[in-house]
C-alpha atoms as a PDB file:
ATOM      1  CA  MET A   1     -30.353 -19.935  12.818  1.00  0.00           C
ATOM      2  CA  ILE A   2     -28.716 -22.665  10.766  1.00  0.00           C
ATOM      3  CA  SER A   3     -30.853 -21.845   7.733  1.00  0.00           C
ATOM      4  CA  ASN A   4     -29.887 -18.151   7.950  1.00  0.00           C
ATOM      5  CA  THR A   5     -26.211 -19.063   8.049  1.00  0.00           C
ATOM      6  CA  LYS A   6     -26.566 -21.204   4.969  1.00  0.00           C
ATOM      7  CA  GLU A   7     -28.465 -18.484   3.188  1.00  0.00           C
ATOM      8  CA  ASP A   8     -25.788 -15.896   3.965  1.00  0.00           C
ATOM      9  CA  SER A   9     -23.112 -18.294   2.823  1.00  0.00           C
ATOM     10  CA  SER A  10     -24.871 -18.991  -0.459  1.00  0.00           C
ATOM     11  CA  ASP A  11     -25.307 -15.251  -1.077  1.00  0.00           C
ATOM     12  CA  ASN A  12     -21.528 -14.842  -1.051  1.00  0.00           C
ATOM     13  CA  ASP A  13     -20.936 -17.958  -3.144  1.00  0.00           C
ATOM     14  CA  PRO A  14     -18.785 -17.005  -6.176  1.00  0.00           C
ATOM     15  CA  ALA A  15     -21.449 -18.498  -8.449  1.00  0.00           C
ATOM     16  CA  ASN A  16     -24.025 -15.992  -7.114  1.00  0.00           C
ATOM     17  CA  ILE A  17     -21.821 -12.901  -7.411  1.00  0.00           C
ATOM     18  CA  ASN A  18     -22.583 -10.388 -10.143  1.00  0.00           C
ATOM     19  CA  LYS A  19     -19.239 -10.408 -11.975  1.00  0.00           C
ATOM     20  CA  PHE A  20     -19.835  -7.034 -13.633  1.00  0.00           C
ATOM     21  CA  ALA A  21     -20.533  -5.336 -10.289  1.00  0.00           C
ATOM     22  CA  ASP A  22     -17.661  -7.145  -8.566  1.00  0.00           C
ATOM     23  CA  VAL A  23     -14.996  -6.306 -11.153  1.00  0.00           C
ATOM     24  CA  GLY A  24     -16.354  -2.786 -11.636  1.00  0.00           C
ATOM     25  CA  LEU A  25     -16.235  -1.969  -7.924  1.00  0.00           C
ATOM     26  CA  ARG A  26     -12.824  -3.583  -7.444  1.00  0.00           C
ATOM     27  CA  THR A  27     -11.559  -1.529 -10.388  1.00  0.00           C
ATOM     28  CA  LEU A  28     -12.920   1.583  -8.645  1.00  0.00           C
ATOM     29  CA  MET A  29     -11.207   0.447  -5.426  1.00  0.00           C
ATOM     30  CA  ALA A  30      -7.885   0.112  -7.278  1.00  0.00           C
ATOM     31  CA  PHE A  31      -8.395   3.485  -9.002  1.00  0.00           C
ATOM     32  CA  VAL A  32      -9.083   5.255  -5.685  1.00  0.00           C
ATOM     33  CA  GLY A  33      -6.123   3.479  -4.075  1.00  0.00           C
ATOM     34  CA  ILE A  34      -3.799   4.643  -6.859  1.00  0.00           C
ATOM     35  CA  ALA A  35      -5.072   8.226  -6.501  1.00  0.00           C
ATOM     36  CA  ILE A  36      -4.423   8.118  -2.729  1.00  0.00           C
ATOM     37  CA  LEU A  37      -0.985   6.553  -3.292  1.00  0.00           C
ATOM     38  CA  SER A  38      -0.134   9.326  -5.777  1.00  0.00           C
ATOM     39  CA  SER A  39      -1.310  11.978  -3.291  1.00  0.00           C
ATOM     40  CA  GLY A  40       0.948  10.542  -0.598  1.00  0.00           C
ATOM     41  CA  THR A  41       3.915  10.392  -2.977  1.00  0.00           C
ATOM     42  CA  THR A  42       3.278  14.018  -3.962  1.00  0.00           C
ATOM     43  CA  LEU A  43       3.457  15.121  -0.321  1.00  0.00           C
ATOM     44  CA  LEU A  44       6.737  13.243   0.134  1.00  0.00           C
ATOM     45  CA  ARG A  45       8.113  14.813  -3.037  1.00  0.00           C
ATOM     46  CA  GLU A  46       7.095  18.363  -2.157  1.00  0.00           C
ATOM     47  CA  GLY A  47       8.330  17.938   1.409  1.00  0.00           C
ATOM     48  CA  ASN A  48      11.811  17.110   0.028  1.00  0.00           C
ATOM     49  CA  VAL A  49      12.028  14.039   2.251  1.00  0.00           C
ATOM     50  CA  GLY A  50      12.611  11.484  -0.523  1.00  0.00           C
ATOM     51  CA  LEU A  51      10.420   9.127  -2.540  1.00  0.00           C
ATOM     52  CA  ASP A  52       9.980   5.387  -2.837  1.00  0.00           C
ATOM     53  CA  PRO A  53      12.949   3.824  -4.721  1.00  0.00           C
ATOM     54  CA  PHE A  54      11.082   3.372  -8.019  1.00  0.00           C
ATOM     55  CA  THR A  55       9.634   6.885  -8.234  1.00  0.00           C
ATOM     56  CA  ALA A  56      12.920   8.356  -6.963  1.00  0.00           C
ATOM     57  CA  MET A  57      14.755   6.704  -9.861  1.00  0.00           C
ATOM     58  CA  ASN A  58      12.157   7.933 -12.339  1.00  0.00           C
ATOM     59  CA  THR A  59      12.461  11.545 -11.139  1.00  0.00           C
ATOM     60  CA  GLY A  60      16.196  11.343 -11.769  1.00  0.00           C
ATOM     61  CA  LEU A  61      15.636   9.792 -15.196  1.00  0.00           C
ATOM     62  CA  ALA A  62      13.062  12.460 -16.089  1.00  0.00           C
ATOM     63  CA  ALA A  63      15.580  15.198 -15.278  1.00  0.00           C
ATOM     64  CA  LYS A  64      18.317  13.457 -17.280  1.00  0.00           C
ATOM     65  CA  ILE A  65      16.271  13.081 -20.463  1.00  0.00           C
ATOM     66  CA  ASN A  66      14.443  16.402 -19.969  1.00  0.00           C
ATOM     67  CA  THR A  67      10.889  15.076 -19.805  1.00  0.00           C
ATOM     68  CA  GLY A  68       8.068  14.947 -17.270  1.00  0.00           C
ATOM     69  CA  LEU A  69       7.840  12.345 -14.515  1.00  0.00           C
ATOM     70  CA  GLY A  70       4.723  10.853 -16.120  1.00  0.00           C
ATOM     71  CA  ASN A  71       6.510  10.124 -19.400  1.00  0.00           C
ATOM     72  CA  ALA A  72       9.641   8.764 -17.716  1.00  0.00           C
ATOM     73  CA  GLN A  73       7.707   6.506 -15.345  1.00  0.00           C
ATOM     74  CA  LEU A  74       5.482   5.186 -18.134  1.00  0.00           C
ATOM     75  CA  MET A  75       8.540   4.385 -20.259  1.00  0.00           C
ATOM     76  CA  VAL A  76      10.232   2.401 -17.473  1.00  0.00           C
ATOM     77  CA  ASN A  77       6.936   0.687 -16.617  1.00  0.00           C
ATOM     78  CA  LEU A  78       6.502  -0.422 -20.234  1.00  0.00           C
ATOM     79  CA  ILE A  79       9.957  -2.034 -20.241  1.00  0.00           C
ATOM     80  CA  ILE A  80       9.233  -3.918 -17.001  1.00  0.00           C
ATOM     81  CA  PHE A  81       5.715  -4.750 -18.232  1.00  0.00           C
ATOM     82  CA  ILE A  82       7.108  -6.525 -21.304  1.00  0.00           C
ATOM     83  CA  LEU A  83       9.410  -8.598 -19.075  1.00  0.00           C
ATOM     84  CA  ILE A  84       6.519  -9.506 -16.757  1.00  0.00           C
ATOM     85  CA  LEU A  85       4.413 -10.421 -19.781  1.00  0.00           C
ATOM     86  CA  ILE A  86       7.111 -12.901 -20.818  1.00  0.00           C
ATOM     87  CA  LEU A  87       7.931 -14.302 -17.364  1.00  0.00           C
ATOM     88  CA  ASP A  88       4.565 -14.428 -15.541  1.00  0.00           C
ATOM     89  CA  ARG A  89       1.573 -12.796 -17.213  1.00  0.00           C
ATOM     90  CA  LYS A  90      -0.711 -13.976 -14.386  1.00  0.00           C
ATOM     91  CA  LYS A  91       0.529 -11.039 -12.336  1.00  0.00           C
ATOM     92  CA  ILE A  92      -0.954  -8.623 -14.878  1.00  0.00           C
ATOM     93  CA  GLY A  93      -4.478  -7.252 -14.500  1.00  0.00           C
ATOM     94  CA  ILE A  94      -6.543  -4.090 -14.719  1.00  0.00           C
ATOM     95  CA  GLY A  95      -4.757  -2.777 -11.619  1.00  0.00           C
ATOM     96  CA  THR A  96      -1.410  -3.211 -13.388  1.00  0.00           C
ATOM     97  CA  ILE A  97      -2.507  -1.061 -16.323  1.00  0.00           C
ATOM     98  CA  LEU A  98      -4.037   1.601 -14.061  1.00  0.00           C
ATOM     99  CA  ASN A  99      -0.931   1.819 -11.890  1.00  0.00           C
ATOM    100  CA  MET A 100       1.626   1.938 -14.694  1.00  0.00           C
ATOM    101  CA  THR A 101      -0.247   4.576 -16.700  1.00  0.00           C
ATOM    102  CA  LEU A 102      -1.662   6.831 -13.968  1.00  0.00           C
ATOM    103  CA  VAL A 103       0.747   7.192 -11.041  1.00  0.00           C
ATOM    104  CA  GLY A 104       3.503   9.202 -12.723  1.00  0.00           C
ATOM    105  CA  TYR A 105       1.101  11.631 -14.371  1.00  0.00           C
ATOM    106  CA  GLU A 106      -0.987  12.008 -11.193  1.00  0.00           C
ATOM    107  CA  ILE A 107       2.114  12.872  -9.154  1.00  0.00           C
ATOM    108  CA  GLN A 108       3.183  15.356 -11.830  1.00  0.00           C
ATOM    109  CA  TRP A 109      -0.237  17.053 -11.863  1.00  0.00           C
ATOM    110  CA  LEU A 110      -0.675  17.019  -8.077  1.00  0.00           C
ATOM    111  CA  SER A 111       2.830  18.469  -7.598  1.00  0.00           C
ATOM    112  CA  SER A 112       1.911  21.403  -9.840  1.00  0.00           C
ATOM    113  CA  ALA A 113      -1.315  21.911  -7.883  1.00  0.00           C
ATOM    114  CA  TYR A 114       0.587  21.733  -4.565  1.00  0.00           C
ATOM    115  CA  LYS A 115       3.019  24.452  -5.677  1.00  0.00           C
ATOM    116  CA  MET A 116       0.162  26.679  -6.780  1.00  0.00           C
ATOM    117  CA  ILE A 117      -1.711  26.284  -3.485  1.00  0.00           C
ATOM    118  CA  LEU A 118       1.318  26.331  -1.152  1.00  0.00           C
ATOM    119  CA  PRO A 119       4.164  28.196  -2.893  1.00  0.00           C
ATOM    120  CA  ASN A 120       7.429  28.516  -0.941  1.00  0.00           C
ATOM    121  CA  SER A 121       5.907  26.732   2.051  1.00  0.00           C
ATOM    122  CA  ILE A 122       8.836  24.464   2.977  1.00  0.00           C
ATOM    123  CA  ASN A 123       9.780  24.684   6.660  1.00  0.00           C
ATOM    124  CA  ILE A 124      10.315  22.188   9.445  1.00  0.00           C
ATOM    125  CA  PHE A 125       6.604  21.928  10.216  1.00  0.00           C
ATOM    126  CA  THR A 126       5.449  21.338   6.642  1.00  0.00           C
ATOM    127  CA  THR A 127       8.315  18.893   6.111  1.00  0.00           C
ATOM    128  CA  VAL A 128       7.310  16.790   9.122  1.00  0.00           C
ATOM    129  CA  ALA A 129       3.620  17.021   8.193  1.00  0.00           C
ATOM    130  CA  ASN A 130       4.334  16.006   4.587  1.00  0.00           C
ATOM    131  CA  LEU A 131       6.437  13.070   5.780  1.00  0.00           C
ATOM    132  CA  ILE A 132       3.818  11.703   8.188  1.00  0.00           C
ATOM    133  CA  VAL A 133       0.714  12.333   6.075  1.00  0.00           C
ATOM    134  CA  GLY A 134       2.543  11.299   2.908  1.00  0.00           C
ATOM    135  CA  LEU A 135       3.580   7.934   4.361  1.00  0.00           C
ATOM    136  CA  LEU A 136       0.069   7.292   5.703  1.00  0.00           C
ATOM    137  CA  LEU A 137      -1.521   8.044   2.327  1.00  0.00           C
ATOM    138  CA  PHE A 138       1.149   6.129   0.398  1.00  0.00           C
ATOM    139  CA  THR A 139       0.629   2.973   2.473  1.00  0.00           C
ATOM    140  CA  LEU A 140      -3.181   3.312   2.503  1.00  0.00           C
ATOM    141  CA  GLY A 141      -3.228   3.698  -1.273  1.00  0.00           C
ATOM    142  CA  SER A 142      -0.894   0.723  -1.703  1.00  0.00           C
ATOM    143  CA  SER A 143      -3.144  -1.391   0.506  1.00  0.00           C
ATOM    144  CA  LEU A 144      -6.290  -0.467  -1.435  1.00  0.00           C
ATOM    145  CA  TYR A 145      -4.915  -0.971  -4.929  1.00  0.00           C
ATOM    146  CA  MET A 146      -3.251  -4.293  -4.058  1.00  0.00           C
ATOM    147  CA  GLY A 147      -6.253  -5.394  -1.983  1.00  0.00           C
ATOM    148  CA  ALA A 148      -8.458  -5.140  -5.078  1.00  0.00           C
ATOM    149  CA  ASN A 149      -6.617  -8.223  -6.431  1.00  0.00           C
ATOM    150  CA  LEU A 150      -6.609  -6.949 -10.004  1.00  0.00           C
ATOM    151  CA  GLY A 151      -2.897  -7.279 -10.627  1.00  0.00           C
ATOM    152  CA  VAL A 152       0.102  -5.415  -9.232  1.00  0.00           C
ATOM    153  CA  ALA A 153       2.304  -2.651 -10.585  1.00  0.00           C
ATOM    154  CA  PRO A 154       5.134  -3.870 -12.841  1.00  0.00           C
ATOM    155  CA  TYR A 155       7.669  -2.838 -10.181  1.00  0.00           C
ATOM    156  CA  ASP A 156       5.870  -4.833  -7.478  1.00  0.00           C
ATOM    157  CA  ALA A 157       5.854  -7.945  -9.685  1.00  0.00           C
ATOM    158  CA  ILE A 158       9.652  -8.116  -9.971  1.00  0.00           C
ATOM    159  CA  ALA A 159      10.436  -9.509  -6.497  1.00  0.00           C
ATOM    160  CA  PRO A 160       7.815 -12.325  -6.479  1.00  0.00           C
ATOM    161  CA  ILE A 161       8.981 -13.523  -9.899  1.00  0.00           C
ATOM    162  CA  ALA A 162      12.657 -13.289  -8.905  1.00  0.00           C
ATOM    163  CA  SER A 163      11.898 -15.171  -5.678  1.00  0.00           C
ATOM    164  CA  ILE A 164      10.409 -18.116  -7.600  1.00  0.00           C
ATOM    165  CA  ARG A 165      12.821 -18.117 -10.531  1.00  0.00           C
ATOM    166  CA  LEU A 166      15.989 -17.727  -8.453  1.00  0.00           C
ATOM    167  CA  HIS A 167      14.776 -19.830  -5.480  1.00  0.00           C
ATOM    168  CA  ILE A 168      15.418 -17.100  -2.935  1.00  0.00           C
ATOM    169  CA  LYS A 169      13.266 -15.628  -0.172  1.00  0.00           C
ATOM    170  CA  TYR A 170      10.808 -12.947  -1.216  1.00  0.00           C
ATOM    171  CA  ARG A 171      12.125 -10.555   1.449  1.00  0.00           C
ATOM    172  CA  SER A 172      15.689 -10.939   0.145  1.00  0.00           C
ATOM    173  CA  ALA A 173      14.530 -10.395  -3.433  1.00  0.00           C
ATOM    174  CA  ARG A 174      12.525  -7.290  -2.514  1.00  0.00           C
ATOM    175  CA  ILE A 175      15.283  -5.722  -0.416  1.00  0.00           C
ATOM    176  CA  THR A 176      17.830  -6.339  -3.184  1.00  0.00           C
ATOM    177  CA  GLN A 177      15.455  -4.827  -5.735  1.00  0.00           C
ATOM    178  CA  ASP A 178      14.761  -1.734  -3.618  1.00  0.00           C
ATOM    179  CA  VAL A 179      18.457  -1.195  -2.844  1.00  0.00           C
ATOM    180  CA  LEU A 180      19.415  -1.449  -6.535  1.00  0.00           C
ATOM    181  CA  PHE A 181      16.741   1.041  -7.584  1.00  0.00           C
ATOM    182  CA  MET A 182      17.648   3.304  -4.655  1.00  0.00           C
ATOM    183  CA  ALA A 183      21.323   3.265  -5.658  1.00  0.00           C
ATOM    184  CA  THR A 184      20.403   3.977  -9.278  1.00  0.00           C
ATOM    185  CA  ALA A 185      18.209   6.872  -8.145  1.00  0.00           C
ATOM    186  CA  PHE A 186      21.072   8.292  -6.078  1.00  0.00           C
ATOM    187  CA  PHE A 187      23.589   8.153  -8.924  1.00  0.00           C
ATOM    188  CA  ILE A 188      21.294   9.769 -11.503  1.00  0.00           C
ATOM    189  CA  GLY A 189      20.127  12.521  -9.163  1.00  0.00           C
ATOM    190  CA  GLY A 190      16.753  11.110  -8.106  1.00  0.00           C
ATOM    191  CA  ALA A 191      14.801  12.244  -5.041  1.00  0.00           C
ATOM    192  CA  VAL A 192      16.496  10.005  -2.461  1.00  0.00           C
ATOM    193  CA  GLY A 193      15.997  10.923   1.188  1.00  0.00           C
ATOM    194  CA  PHE A 194      14.872   9.754   4.601  1.00  0.00           C
ATOM    195  CA  ALA A 195      11.472   8.638   3.295  1.00  0.00           C
ATOM    196  CA  THR A 196      13.143   6.495   0.614  1.00  0.00           C
ATOM    197  CA  ILE A 197      14.685   4.299   3.294  1.00  0.00           C
ATOM    198  CA  ILE A 198      11.441   4.166   5.287  1.00  0.00           C
ATOM    199  CA  VAL A 199       9.392   3.191   2.228  1.00  0.00           C
ATOM    200  CA  ALA A 200      11.955   0.590   1.163  1.00  0.00           C
ATOM    201  CA  PHE A 201      12.226  -1.196   4.504  1.00  0.00           C
ATOM    202  CA  PHE A 202       9.554  -0.212   7.022  1.00  0.00           C
ATOM    203  CA  THR A 203       6.170   0.317   5.346  1.00  0.00           C
ATOM    204  CA  GLY A 204       5.108  -3.345   5.613  1.00  0.00           C
ATOM    205  CA  PRO A 205       3.470  -3.023   9.068  1.00  0.00           C
ATOM    206  CA  LEU A 206       1.548   0.104   8.002  1.00  0.00           C
ATOM    207  CA  ILE A 207       0.234  -1.584   4.858  1.00  0.00           C
ATOM    208  CA  THR A 208      -0.748  -4.608   6.952  1.00  0.00           C
ATOM    209  CA  TYR A 209      -2.619  -2.290   9.342  1.00  0.00           C
ATOM    210  CA  TRP A 210      -4.564  -0.725   6.462  1.00  0.00           C
ATOM    211  CA  ASP A 211      -5.230  -4.195   5.022  1.00  0.00           C
ATOM    212  CA  THR A 212      -6.868  -5.289   8.266  1.00  0.00           C
ATOM    213  CA  HIS A 213      -8.790  -2.128   9.124  1.00  0.00           C
ATOM    214  CA  VAL A 214      -9.746  -0.763   5.706  1.00  0.00           C
ATOM    215  CA  SER A 215      -9.017  -2.786   2.568  1.00  0.00           C
ATOM    216  CA  GLU A 216     -10.373  -6.136   3.739  1.00  0.00           C
ATOM    217  CA  LYS A 217     -13.577  -4.471   4.933  1.00  0.00           C
ATOM    218  CA  VAL A 218     -13.986  -2.626   1.626  1.00  0.00           C
ATOM    219  CA  LYS A 219     -13.373  -5.865  -0.268  1.00  0.00           C
ATOM    220  CA  GLN A 220     -15.941  -7.691   1.868  1.00  0.00           C
ATOM    221  CA  GLY A 221     -18.423  -4.884   1.270  1.00  0.00           C
ATOM    222  CA  ILE A 222     -17.885  -5.235  -2.479  1.00  0.00           C
ATOM    223  CA  THR A 223     -18.469  -8.993  -2.261  1.00  0.00           C
ATOM    224  CA  ASN A 224     -21.658  -8.507  -0.254  1.00  0.00           C
ATOM    225  CA  PHE A 225     -22.997  -5.874  -2.643  1.00  0.00           C
ATOM    226  CA  SER A 226     -22.101  -7.939  -5.714  1.00  0.00           C
ATOM    227  CA  SER A 227     -24.096 -10.857  -4.305  1.00  0.00           C
ATOM    228  CA  THR A 228     -27.296  -8.758  -4.122  1.00  0.00           C
ATOM    229  CA  PRO A 229     -26.656  -5.480  -5.980  1.00  0.00           C
ATOM    230  CA  SER A 230     -29.148  -2.782  -4.976  1.00  0.00           C
ATOM    231  CA  LEU A 231     -29.220   0.736  -3.536  1.00  0.00           C
ATOM    232  CA  SER A 232     -30.267  -0.703  -0.183  1.00  0.00           C
ATOM    233  CA  THR A 233     -27.287  -3.071  -0.084  1.00  0.00           C
ATOM    234  CA  ALA A 234     -24.944  -0.264  -1.160  1.00  0.00           C
ATOM    235  CA  GLY A 235     -26.201   1.930   1.676  1.00  0.00           C
ATOM    236  CA  LYS A 236     -25.744  -0.841   4.231  1.00  0.00           C
ATOM    237  CA  GLN A 237     -22.188  -1.595   3.077  1.00  0.00           C
ATOM    238  CA  LEU A 238     -21.182   2.085   3.089  1.00  0.00           C
ATOM    239  CA  ALA A 239     -22.647   2.473   6.571  1.00  0.00           C
ATOM    240  CA  SER A 240     -20.795  -0.645   7.734  1.00  0.00           C
ATOM    241  CA  VAL A 241     -17.428   0.549   6.395  1.00  0.00           C
ATOM    242  CA  GLY A 242     -18.003   4.047   7.789  1.00  0.00           C
ATOM    243  CA  LYS A 243     -18.965   2.717  11.211  1.00  0.00           C
ATOM    244  CA  SER A 244     -15.966   0.397  11.300  1.00  0.00           C
ATOM    245  CA  SER A 245     -13.604   3.233  10.326  1.00  0.00           C
ATOM    246  CA  TYR A 246     -15.130   5.494  12.987  1.00  0.00           C
ATOM    247  CA  TYR A 247     -14.623   2.912  15.733  1.00  0.00           C
ATOM    248  CA  THR A 248     -11.058   2.227  14.575  1.00  0.00           C
ATOM    249  CA  VAL A 249     -10.144   5.927  14.811  1.00  0.00           C
ATOM    250  CA  ARG A 250     -12.026   6.400  18.101  1.00  0.00           C
ATOM    251  CA  ARG A 251     -10.385   3.361  19.674  1.00  0.00           C
ATOM    252  CA  ALA A 252      -6.944   4.602  18.633  1.00  0.00           C
ATOM    253  CA  TYR A 253      -7.718   8.017  20.144  1.00  0.00           C
ATOM    254  CA  GLU A 254      -9.014   6.492  23.393  1.00  0.00           C
ATOM    255  CA  LEU A 255      -5.920   4.327  23.778  1.00  0.00           C
ATOM    256  CA  THR A 256      -3.670   7.343  23.164  1.00  0.00           C
ATOM    257  CA  GLU A 257      -5.604   9.500  25.638  1.00  0.00           C
ATOM    258  CA  GLN A 258      -5.576   6.726  28.248  1.00  0.00           C
ATOM    259  CA  THR A 259      -1.827   6.285  27.876  1.00  0.00           C
ATOM    260  CA  GLN A 260      -1.255  10.034  28.259  1.00  0.00           C
ATOM    261  CA  ARG A 261      -3.301  10.129  31.482  1.00  0.00           C
ATOM    262  CA  GLN A 262      -1.408   7.168  32.916  1.00  0.00           C
ATOM    263  CA  LEU A 263       2.000   8.574  32.009  1.00  0.00           C
ATOM    264  CA  SER A 264       1.510  11.612  34.244  1.00  0.00           C
ATOM    265  CA  ASN A 265       0.957   9.352  37.290  1.00  0.00           C
ATOM    266  CA  TYR A 266       4.009   7.071  36.810  1.00  0.00           C
ATOM    267  CA  SER A 267       7.080   7.313  39.035  1.00  0.00           C
ATOM    268  CA  ASN A 268      10.494   7.240  37.306  1.00  0.00           C
ATOM    269  CA  GLN A 269      10.924   3.535  38.125  1.00  0.00           C
ATOM    270  CA  GLU A 270       7.420   2.652  36.926  1.00  0.00           C
ATOM    271  CA  LEU A 271       8.006   4.579  33.730  1.00  0.00           C
ATOM    272  CA  ASN A 272      11.271   2.719  33.063  1.00  0.00           C
ATOM    273  CA  ASP A 273       9.556  -0.619  33.762  1.00  0.00           C
ATOM    274  CA  ARG A 274       6.759   0.243  31.345  1.00  0.00           C
ATOM    275  CA  ILE A 275       9.288   1.206  28.676  1.00  0.00           C
ATOM    276  CA  GLU A 276      11.106  -2.117  29.085  1.00  0.00           C
ATOM    277  CA  ARG A 277       7.888  -4.169  28.982  1.00  0.00           C
ATOM    278  CA  THR A 278       6.646  -2.289  25.934  1.00  0.00           C
ATOM    279  CA  ARG A 279       9.995  -2.750  24.185  1.00  0.00           C
ATOM    280  CA  ASN A 280       9.917  -6.510  24.854  1.00  0.00           C
ATOM    281  CA  ARG A 281       6.309  -6.748  23.676  1.00  0.00           C
ATOM    282  CA  SER A 282       7.240  -4.864  20.509  1.00  0.00           C
ATOM    283  CA  LYS A 283      10.048  -7.336  19.800  1.00  0.00           C
ATOM    284  CA  GLN A 284       7.690 -10.268  20.316  1.00  0.00           C
ATOM    285  CA  LEU A 285       5.096  -8.755  17.978  1.00  0.00           C
ATOM    286  CA  GLY A 286       7.826  -8.134  15.426  1.00  0.00           C
ATOM    287  CA  GLN A 287       8.852 -11.792  15.559  1.00  0.00           C
ATOM    288  CA  VAL A 288       5.228 -12.891  15.172  1.00  0.00           C
ATOM    289  CA  TYR A 289       4.858 -10.587  12.166  1.00  0.00           C
ATOM    290  CA  GLU A 290       8.055 -11.938  10.565  1.00  0.00           C
ATOM    291  CA  ASN A 291       6.955 -15.547  11.079  1.00  0.00           C
ATOM    292  CA  THR A 292       3.525 -14.803   9.614  1.00  0.00           C
ATOM    293  CA  GLN A 293       5.115 -13.154   6.581  1.00  0.00           C
ATOM    294  CA  LYS A 294       7.381 -16.186   6.077  1.00  0.00           C
ATOM    295  CA  GLN A 295       4.381 -18.513   6.185  1.00  0.00           C
ATOM    296  CA  LEU A 296       2.521 -16.290   3.712  1.00  0.00           C
ATOM    297  CA  ARG A 297       5.466 -16.287   1.289  1.00  0.00           C
ATOM    298  CA  LEU A 298       5.773 -20.066   1.506  1.00  0.00           C
ATOM    299  CA  LEU A 299       2.064 -20.488   0.794  1.00  0.00           C
ATOM    300  CA  GLN A 300       2.187 -18.032  -2.095  1.00  0.00           C
ATOM    301  CA  GLY A 301       5.265 -19.755  -3.494  1.00  0.00           C
ATOM    302  CA  GLU A 302       3.573 -23.149  -3.346  1.00  0.00           C
ATOM    303  CA  ALA A 303       0.436 -21.728  -4.974  1.00  0.00           C
ATOM    304  CA  ASP A 304       2.514 -20.178  -7.786  1.00  0.00           C
ATOM    305  CA  LYS A 305       4.362 -23.460  -8.348  1.00  0.00           C
ATOM    306  CA  ARG A 306       1.079 -25.338  -8.651  1.00  0.00           C
ATOM    307  CA  ARG A 307      -0.307 -22.770 -11.087  1.00  0.00           C
ATOM    308  CA  ASN A 308       2.846 -23.006 -13.224  1.00  0.00           C
ATOM    309  CA  ASN A 309       2.604 -26.803 -13.257  1.00  0.00           C
END
């Protein structure tokens, strides 16, 4: 048993990983994540519920200078990219280039396709569906492209750099950044709406959920395959990810179904007690999440300081 453990450990040793396979598959992971992110943003845009602060600003800019979203977003990304290149080029990678060059054009193309497939389809049901599905896809795509660890979008690199340079908390830097871009979007006629506020302040837990249940498993599968690249290994990793995803969805469904069955049997007092307990538990989990995020930012800050030294 001990020898098997050592063997498995050595297989995943960085020295034994096929770099070409590893980088190639992580690039594919980032590419797929960006495509999913763009699909989610398209649904938010076509549902008229607002966009993330950065894309919302770029839609307003595109209208002002009479160009497409792809061109406007690429132009703004290039300006930020040059600043990032000067301030902290370590944040730049293949994922950075993919994100800055693809997202705007993908949203533009997918929006045209959406209007062709579903012309004049805006009503309360499609709006709600676009909001929910759009947010799920946006956060899943964000999780995948960032989880590939191949660099972040120029916009996403601003807050970490500002946090280190200005000696402020990452959360404060990010909120300030999002609010400034949101305000700019509003004043130049960008697509600001309900979803803009949600994306700016409340998508963290959803991205964390996707990190745990999808992105980390995909990344581990890539590492395992890159250690012993073969069709057999690829099949095993795909089966593992598929099985894990199936159980995640099934478990969520079972918990929902169980809760629905229990709700019908509660008295009014029992229902109120359950609501209060659930609310308290939610607050506790929120505090745990905040503390974990603070620890993560401190660790990342210390790691960045050491790299800069």
